[in-house]
Amino acid sequence: MSATHNVQVTTGAEVLHMSIELSYKSWKLGFAVGLGHSPRIRTIAGGGYKALVHEIRLAKVRFKLPKDTPVRSCYEAGPHGFHPHRCLLELGIENVVVDSSSIEMSRRKKRAKSDRLDASKLATMLVRWHLGDKKTWRVVNVPSIADEDRRQLHRELISLKKERTKHVNCMKSLLFAAGFGARIDRTLPQQLEKLHQLANRPLPTNLYQRLLREFERWSLVNKQINDIDTERVRRIRTEQSPQGDMVRSLLSLRAVGENSAWLLVQEVFGWREIKNRRQLGGLAGLSPTPYNSGDSKREQGISKAGNTRLRGILVELAWSWLRYQPNSALTLWYKARFAAGNSRLRRIGIVALARKLFVALWKYVDRGELPEGAETVPWAQKLGVKEDQAT
């Protein structure tokens, strides 16, 4: 039965399957019309869509397909983002973006790695996926251009805060190595002028100049952070959109601040179509990874394969939830299960609480189900806005 099916797929192909192995300088294209033969491999310059259309035309001639044969393509999600996906759709090519971590691998040994082999394997797996083998890989949910653009604000803010910490640590390290200490704030230049060592020696000239330049970079980053914070508060107050309503709805819960509310909406709730709690856990990398082999069974912890920003904010939010929502059902569950344990057990429990809280917030935003026992406050109070000024 299965052999007959394979023969039909191999000889009666009506679709051209194309895989793309992306890199900055060149793209490897893999063409296949079915199973049972080696894909046709071609190389074009990176971003060469005219060359790609030409290679598709040649592939149809090679496989003796009509000119109007539909083309299905795939590529792995990576640094190129979703721009190739949108360009392929504009060319009339049905495309899917594949989660590279979900691609099945041989357990016998680590396979050889090259762009040619990757393109060949992706082409074969694309055929299998369209034939109904949905366990071959997982497809990435591609956001719209507007949804993707809305994520830039908080992602830039996260990056700038990391950069600010880097500048602060650099200045503290330079001062400490020279035997000095100072408070890193706007008064640092005045502090540097007054610093002296035990022998009444001032800061060395080159070190002093380097610290001033580092301070200028810190000041610029700090200004940009304040500007983005101000812009985000303005959008939360005034934006009339489904995403804006979701952010304000989350802010009405105690323990949920503007950082967590904004990130949860822009990364997940504002545009993703979530079907169940398992998808939520996998998205945040909070899914369990059990190991079962014969009589050996153990838990290996969470997968950590999801959105790093999302997982980090959820863990912080879980700790905040314990403090500001002491009477909620989630807090009482945590206290009953983990509060009496040691520090390691409490840290394990906070991850479990983060997953449960994520599901509860999704139900609250999606269905209006308030988490059991949770308290609410006017969202405008958290932004320092009077109620009559809130919109």
Protein backbone atom coordinates (compact mmCIF):
# COMPACT_ATOMS: atom_id res chain seq x y z
CA MET A 1 0.00 0.00 0.00
CA SER A 2 2.69 2.47 0.99
CA ALA A 3 4.93 1.41 -1.93
CA THR A 4 2.16 2.15 -4.42
CA HIS A 5 1.66 5.55 -2.82
CA ASN A 6 5.36 6.39 -3.18
CA VAL A 7 5.37 5.44 -6.85
CA GLN A 8 2.44 7.74 -7.52
CA VAL A 9 4.15 10.60 -5.72
CA THR A 10 7.42 10.09 -7.59
CA THR A 11 6.03 9.75 -11.11
CA GLY A 12 2.87 11.83 -11.04
CA ALA A 13 4.12 15.05 -9.46
CA GLU A 14 2.09 18.17 -10.14
CA VAL A 15 3.91 20.50 -7.75
CA LEU A 16 7.49 21.76 -7.75
CA HIS A 17 8.96 21.74 -4.24
CA MET A 18 11.82 24.13 -3.50
CA SER A 19 13.95 24.51 -0.38
CA ILE A 20 16.16 27.54 0.25
CA GLU A 21 19.25 27.45 2.44
CA LEU A 22 19.85 31.12 3.21
CA SER A 23 23.18 32.83 3.82
CA TYR A 24 24.36 36.39 3.30
CA LYS A 25 26.47 35.77 0.19
CA SER A 26 24.64 32.91 -1.53
CA TRP A 27 21.46 30.84 -1.45
CA LYS A 28 21.32 27.11 -2.07
CA LEU A 29 18.15 26.01 -3.85
CA GLY A 30 16.93 22.43 -3.70
CA PHE A 31 14.23 21.32 -6.18
CA ALA A 32 12.18 18.12 -5.89
CA VAL A 33 8.98 16.79 -7.42
CA GLY A 34 8.57 13.74 -5.21
CA LEU A 35 10.31 11.11 -3.12
CA GLY A 36 12.83 8.56 -4.30
CA HIS A 37 15.35 10.79 -6.13
CA SER A 38 18.07 13.28 -5.26
CA PRO A 39 16.92 16.92 -5.34
CA ARG A 40 18.28 19.27 -7.97
CA ILE A 41 20.70 21.71 -6.27
CA ARG A 42 21.50 25.17 -7.60
CA THR A 43 23.30 28.21 -6.15
CA ILE A 44 22.37 31.86 -6.60
CA ALA A 45 23.55 35.12 -5.07
CA GLY A 46 21.93 36.02 -1.75
CA GLY A 47 18.75 38.01 -2.31
CA GLY A 48 18.77 37.32 -6.06
CA TYR A 49 15.05 36.93 -6.68
CA LYS A 50 15.40 37.33 -10.46
CA ALA A 51 17.91 34.48 -10.47
CA LEU A 52 15.54 32.47 -8.26
CA VAL A 53 12.67 32.89 -10.75
CA HIS A 54 15.04 31.85 -13.56
CA GLU A 55 16.10 28.71 -11.67
CA ILE A 56 12.46 27.82 -11.03
CA ARG A 57 11.81 28.06 -14.77
CA LEU A 58 14.79 25.82 -15.53
CA ALA A 59 13.70 23.32 -12.87
CA LYS A 60 10.26 23.01 -14.46
CA VAL A 61 11.92 22.30 -17.80
CA ARG A 62 14.25 19.75 -16.18
CA PHE A 63 11.37 17.89 -14.50
CA LYS A 64 9.12 18.29 -17.61
CA LEU A 65 6.48 20.25 -15.73
CA PRO A 66 4.03 22.76 -17.25
CA LYS A 67 4.97 26.41 -16.95
CA ASP A 68 2.00 27.09 -14.67
CA THR A 69 2.95 24.34 -12.19
CA PRO A 70 2.56 25.71 -8.62
CA VAL A 71 5.70 26.07 -6.52
CA ARG A 72 5.94 25.34 -2.80
CA SER A 73 9.01 26.46 -0.87
CA CYS A 74 10.48 26.53 2.61
CA TYR A 75 13.42 27.92 4.52
CA GLU A 76 14.62 27.84 8.12
CA ALA A 77 13.87 30.75 10.43
CA GLY A 78 17.00 32.74 11.16
CA PRO A 79 18.71 36.14 10.83
CA HIS A 80 17.02 36.85 7.48
CA GLY A 81 13.70 37.18 9.29
CA PHE A 82 10.47 37.11 7.32
CA HIS A 83 11.42 39.36 4.40
CA PRO A 84 12.17 36.38 2.07
CA HIS A 85 8.82 34.85 3.01
CA ARG A 86 6.92 37.97 1.98
CA CYS A 87 8.89 38.30 -1.26
CA LEU A 88 8.16 34.67 -2.16
CA LEU A 89 4.45 35.20 -1.56
CA GLU A 90 4.54 38.24 -3.86
CA LEU A 91 6.08 36.01 -6.54
CA GLY A 92 3.13 33.63 -6.22
CA ILE A 93 5.11 30.95 -4.36
CA GLU A 94 3.50 29.17 -1.41
CA ASN A 95 6.09 29.31 1.36
CA VAL A 96 6.50 28.10 4.94
CA VAL A 97 9.10 29.21 7.49
CA VAL A 98 10.44 26.26 9.47
CA ASP A 99 11.54 26.22 13.11
CA SER A 100 15.07 24.84 12.78
CA SER A 101 15.06 23.34 16.28
CA SER A 102 12.04 21.19 15.38
CA ILE A 103 13.61 19.42 12.38
CA GLU A 104 14.00 15.71 13.02
CA MET A 105 17.57 14.41 13.38
CA SER A 106 19.11 10.96 13.24
CA ARG A 107 19.88 9.50 16.69
CA ARG A 108 22.72 7.30 15.40
CA LYS A 109 25.28 10.01 14.80
CA LYS A 110 25.68 13.69 14.10
CA ARG A 111 25.06 14.16 10.41
CA ALA A 112 27.40 16.01 8.05
CA LYS A 113 26.68 19.72 7.85
CA SER A 114 26.82 21.82 4.68
CA ASP A 115 24.51 24.17 2.80
CA ARG A 116 24.18 21.67 -0.05
CA LEU A 117 23.16 18.82 2.26
CA ASP A 118 20.80 21.08 4.20
CA ALA A 119 19.06 22.22 1.00
CA SER A 120 18.75 18.64 -0.18
CA LYS A 121 17.28 17.40 3.10
CA LEU A 122 14.88 20.35 3.39
CA ALA A 123 13.55 19.69 -0.11
CA THR A 124 12.85 16.04 0.71
CA MET A 125 11.24 16.93 4.02
CA LEU A 126 9.10 19.59 2.31
CA VAL A 127 7.65 16.89 0.07
CA ARG A 128 6.93 14.71 3.11
CA TRP A 129 5.32 17.60 4.99
CA HIS A 130 2.95 18.40 2.13
CA LEU A 131 2.09 14.69 1.84
CA GLY A 132 0.75 14.83 5.38
CA ASP A 133 3.73 14.00 7.61
CA LYS A 134 3.19 16.96 9.95
CA LYS A 135 5.68 15.60 12.51
CA THR A 136 8.54 16.35 10.13
CA TRP A 137 8.93 19.86 11.57
CA ARG A 138 7.07 22.78 13.09
CA VAL A 139 6.07 25.82 11.03
CA VAL A 140 6.66 29.35 12.36
CA ASN A 141 3.67 31.68 12.61
CA VAL A 142 4.70 34.65 10.48
CA PRO A 143 3.53 38.04 11.82
CA SER A 144 2.23 40.80 9.61
CA ILE A 145 4.50 43.76 8.89
CA ALA A 146 2.52 45.89 11.36
CA ASP A 147 2.66 43.23 14.10
CA GLU A 148 6.38 42.78 13.59
CA ASP A 149 6.97 46.52 13.65
CA ARG A 150 5.15 46.88 16.98
CA ARG A 151 7.75 44.63 18.60
CA GLN A 152 10.60 47.03 17.86
CA LEU A 153 9.91 49.43 20.74
CA HIS A 154 10.28 47.01 23.66
CA ARG A 155 13.06 45.02 21.98
CA GLU A 156 15.09 48.18 21.54
CA LEU A 157 14.39 49.09 25.16
CA ILE A 158 15.69 45.70 26.35
CA SER A 159 18.81 46.10 24.23
CA LEU A 160 19.46 49.63 25.51
CA LYS A 161 19.10 48.58 29.13
CA LYS A 162 21.69 45.85 28.60
CA GLU A 163 23.97 48.42 26.99
CA ARG A 164 23.49 50.81 29.90
CA THR A 165 24.44 48.07 32.36
CA LYS A 166 27.53 47.38 30.28
CA HIS A 167 28.64 51.03 30.50
CA VAL A 168 27.98 51.16 34.25
CA ASN A 169 30.00 48.00 34.87
CA CYS A 170 32.84 49.29 32.69
CA MET A 171 33.12 52.56 34.65
CA LYS A 172 32.94 50.77 37.99
CA SER A 173 35.65 48.31 36.93
CA LEU A 174 37.99 51.05 35.71
CA LEU A 175 37.61 52.99 38.95
CA PHE A 176 37.99 49.90 41.13
CA ALA A 177 41.18 48.81 39.33
CA ALA A 178 42.71 52.23 40.01
CA GLY A 179 41.72 52.20 43.67
CA PHE A 180 38.78 54.59 43.39
CA GLY A 181 35.05 54.39 43.89
CA ALA A 182 32.23 56.62 42.70
CA ARG A 183 28.48 56.61 42.28
CA ILE A 184 27.45 56.25 38.64
CA ASP A 185 24.90 59.00 37.99
CA ARG A 186 24.67 62.40 36.30
CA THR A 187 27.15 63.89 38.80
CA LEU A 188 29.99 61.54 37.82
CA PRO A 189 32.16 64.24 36.07
CA GLN A 190 32.06 66.38 39.24
CA GLN A 191 32.92 63.34 41.35
CA LEU A 192 35.91 62.48 39.17
CA GLU A 193 37.42 65.93 39.66
CA LYS A 194 37.42 65.41 43.45
CA LEU A 195 38.80 61.86 43.53
CA HIS A 196 42.30 61.40 44.94
CA GLN A 197 44.33 58.36 45.97
CA LEU A 198 45.88 57.86 49.39
CA ALA A 199 49.00 59.76 48.37
CA ASN A 200 46.78 62.64 47.24
CA ARG A 201 47.32 61.73 43.58
CA PRO A 202 44.43 62.56 41.23
CA LEU A 203 43.11 60.28 38.52
CA PRO A 204 45.63 59.59 35.74
CA THR A 205 44.94 61.76 32.69
CA ASN A 206 44.17 58.99 30.18
CA LEU A 207 41.92 57.15 32.65
CA TYR A 208 40.08 60.38 33.40
CA GLN A 209 39.48 61.04 29.69
CA ARG A 210 38.34 57.47 29.09
CA LEU A 211 35.85 57.65 31.94
CA LEU A 212 34.42 60.90 30.56
CA ARG A 213 33.91 59.31 27.13
CA GLU A 214 32.30 56.28 28.73
CA PHE A 215 30.07 58.62 30.72
CA GLU A 216 28.96 60.36 27.52
CA ARG A 217 27.94 57.02 26.00
CA TRP A 218 26.08 56.12 29.21
CA SER A 219 24.27 59.50 29.15
CA LEU A 220 23.19 59.01 25.54
CA VAL A 221 21.85 55.51 26.22
CA ASN A 222 20.09 56.72 29.36
CA LYS A 223 18.41 59.52 27.40
CA GLN A 224 17.21 57.09 24.73
CA ILE A 225 15.79 54.78 27.40
CA ASN A 226 13.86 57.66 28.96
CA ASP A 227 12.57 58.73 25.54
CA ILE A 228 11.31 55.22 24.74
CA ASP A 229 9.71 54.91 28.18
CA THR A 230 7.88 58.18 27.60
CA GLU A 231 6.72 57.08 24.15
CA ARG A 232 5.46 53.76 25.48
CA VAL A 233 3.45 55.43 28.25
CA ARG A 234 1.96 57.78 25.66
CA ARG A 235 0.89 54.85 23.48
CA ILE A 236 -0.59 52.95 26.41
CA ARG A 237 -2.68 56.00 27.35
CA THR A 238 -3.89 57.01 23.89
CA GLU A 239 -3.62 54.10 21.43
CA GLN A 240 -7.08 53.01 20.27
CA SER A 241 -6.44 49.50 19.00
CA PRO A 242 -7.02 45.91 20.14
CA GLN A 243 -3.41 45.78 21.32
CA GLY A 244 -3.80 48.97 23.33
CA ASP A 245 -6.93 47.63 24.99
CA MET A 246 -5.13 44.41 25.90
CA VAL A 247 -2.23 46.29 27.50
CA ARG A 248 -4.58 48.42 29.59
CA SER A 249 -6.57 45.32 30.56
CA LEU A 250 -3.44 43.58 31.85
CA LEU A 251 -2.34 46.71 33.68
CA SER A 252 -5.57 46.62 35.65
CA LEU A 253 -4.25 43.52 37.46
CA ARG A 254 -2.13 43.99 40.54
CA ALA A 255 1.49 42.81 40.06
CA VAL A 256 1.42 43.46 36.29
CA GLY A 257 3.48 46.49 35.28
CA GLU A 258 3.88 48.29 31.99
CA ASN A 259 6.99 46.29 31.01
CA SER A 260 5.33 42.91 31.34
CA ALA A 261 1.93 44.02 29.98
CA TRP A 262 3.46 45.61 26.89
CA LEU A 263 5.79 42.69 26.13
CA LEU A 264 3.12 40.02 26.61
CA VAL A 265 0.75 41.78 24.23
CA GLN A 266 3.26 42.67 21.53
CA GLU A 267 5.01 39.29 21.56
CA VAL A 268 2.01 36.98 22.06
CA PHE A 269 -1.51 38.13 22.82
CA GLY A 270 -1.71 40.92 20.25
CA TRP A 271 -1.36 38.81 17.09
CA ARG A 272 -0.78 35.09 17.71
CA GLU A 273 -3.65 32.64 17.41
CA ILE A 274 -3.24 30.45 20.49
CA LYS A 275 -5.30 27.25 20.55
CA ASN A 276 -4.37 25.70 23.90
CA ARG A 277 -2.09 25.92 26.93
CA ARG A 278 0.45 23.54 25.41
CA GLN A 279 1.13 26.01 22.63
CA LEU A 280 1.62 28.75 25.21
CA GLY A 281 4.12 26.67 27.19
CA GLY A 282 6.08 25.77 24.06
CA LEU A 283 6.10 29.38 22.89
CA ALA A 284 7.73 30.56 26.12
CA GLY A 285 10.06 27.55 26.45
CA LEU A 286 8.28 26.48 29.63
CA SER A 287 7.31 23.02 28.40
CA PRO A 288 8.55 19.97 30.36
CA THR A 289 11.06 17.63 28.72
CA PRO A 290 10.49 14.14 30.18
CA TYR A 291 13.00 11.37 29.45
CA ASN A 292 11.43 7.93 29.03
CA SER A 293 13.57 4.98 27.98
CA GLY A 294 12.44 1.56 29.19
CA ASP A 295 12.30 1.61 32.96
CA SER A 296 14.25 4.88 33.15
CA LYS A 297 12.01 7.90 33.58
CA ARG A 298 13.07 11.34 34.73
CA GLU A 299 12.27 14.99 34.15
CA GLN A 300 14.98 17.05 32.42
CA GLY A 301 13.52 20.46 33.20
CA ILE A 302 11.96 23.01 30.86
CA SER A 303 12.83 23.04 27.17
CA LYS A 304 14.03 26.69 26.96
CA ALA A 305 13.36 26.47 23.22
CA GLY A 306 10.92 29.39 23.08
CA ASN A 307 11.06 33.16 23.30
CA THR A 308 13.84 34.15 25.72
CA ARG A 309 12.44 37.63 26.39
CA LEU A 310 9.03 36.16 27.13
CA ARG A 311 10.35 33.49 29.49
CA GLY A 312 12.40 36.00 31.47
CA ILE A 313 9.54 38.45 31.98
CA LEU A 314 7.17 35.63 32.99
CA VAL A 315 9.51 34.45 35.74
CA GLU A 316 9.87 38.03 37.04
CA LEU A 317 6.10 38.44 36.85
CA ALA A 318 5.59 35.22 38.84
CA TRP A 319 7.70 36.57 41.73
CA SER A 320 5.78 39.84 41.58
CA TRP A 321 2.48 37.93 41.57
CA LEU A 322 3.38 36.21 44.85
CA ARG A 323 3.99 39.58 46.48
CA TYR A 324 1.08 41.66 45.17
CA GLN A 325 -1.59 38.96 44.76
CA PRO A 326 -1.27 37.07 48.09
CA ASN A 327 -4.90 35.88 48.10
CA SER A 328 -5.10 34.60 44.53
CA ALA A 329 -5.56 30.89 43.81
CA LEU A 330 -2.20 30.73 42.02
CA THR A 331 -0.34 32.18 45.01
CA LEU A 332 -2.06 29.79 47.42
CA TRP A 333 -1.20 26.87 45.12
CA TYR A 334 2.47 27.88 45.09
CA LYS A 335 2.62 28.31 48.87
CA ALA A 336 1.05 24.90 49.44
CA ARG A 337 3.40 23.12 47.04
CA PHE A 338 6.74 24.92 47.26
CA ALA A 339 6.90 27.60 49.98
CA ALA A 340 8.04 25.14 52.68
CA GLY A 341 10.87 23.74 50.53
CA ASN A 342 14.47 24.84 50.14
CA SER A 343 15.62 27.57 47.74
CA ARG A 344 16.10 25.15 44.86
CA LEU A 345 12.57 23.80 45.20
CA ARG A 346 11.16 27.33 45.34
CA ARG A 347 13.00 28.25 42.13
CA ILE A 348 11.58 25.17 40.43
CA GLY A 349 8.14 26.12 41.71
CA ILE A 350 8.38 29.66 40.38
CA VAL A 351 8.85 28.31 36.85
CA ALA A 352 5.73 26.18 37.27
CA LEU A 353 3.89 29.23 38.58
CA ALA A 354 5.10 31.29 35.59
CA ARG A 355 3.58 28.74 33.21
CA LYS A 356 0.25 28.66 35.07
CA LEU A 357 0.20 32.46 35.27
CA PHE A 358 0.86 32.71 31.53
CA VAL A 359 -2.17 30.55 30.83
CA ALA A 360 -4.31 32.53 33.29
CA LEU A 361 -3.34 35.87 31.68
CA TRP A 362 -4.11 34.46 28.23
CA LYS A 363 -7.60 33.46 29.38
CA TYR A 364 -8.06 36.88 30.95
CA VAL A 365 -7.13 38.75 27.76
CA ASP A 366 -8.78 36.33 25.33
CA ARG A 367 -11.97 35.42 27.21
CA GLY A 368 -12.23 37.98 29.99
CA GLU A 369 -11.78 35.32 32.72
CA LEU A 370 -10.27 37.05 35.75
CA PRO A 371 -7.71 34.82 37.53
CA GLU A 372 -9.37 33.33 40.61
CA GLY A 373 -8.85 35.54 43.67
CA ALA A 374 -6.93 38.21 41.75
CA GLU A 375 -7.32 41.88 42.67
CA THR A 376 -7.66 44.72 40.16
CA VAL A 377 -6.73 48.41 40.25
CA PRO A 378 -7.27 51.31 37.83
CA TRP A 379 -4.58 50.97 35.17
CA ALA A 380 -4.01 54.74 35.02
CA GLN A 381 -2.67 54.79 38.59
CA LYS A 382 0.34 52.70 37.55
CA LEU A 383 1.27 55.27 34.91
CA GLY A 384 0.82 58.26 37.20
CA VAL A 385 -2.16 59.40 35.14
CA LYS A 386 -5.33 60.86 36.63
CA GLU A 387 -8.49 58.98 35.75
CA ASP A 388 -10.01 61.94 33.94
CA GLN A 389 -6.88 62.09 31.72
CA ALA A 390 -7.01 58.40 30.83
CA THR A 391 -8.66 57.43 27.58
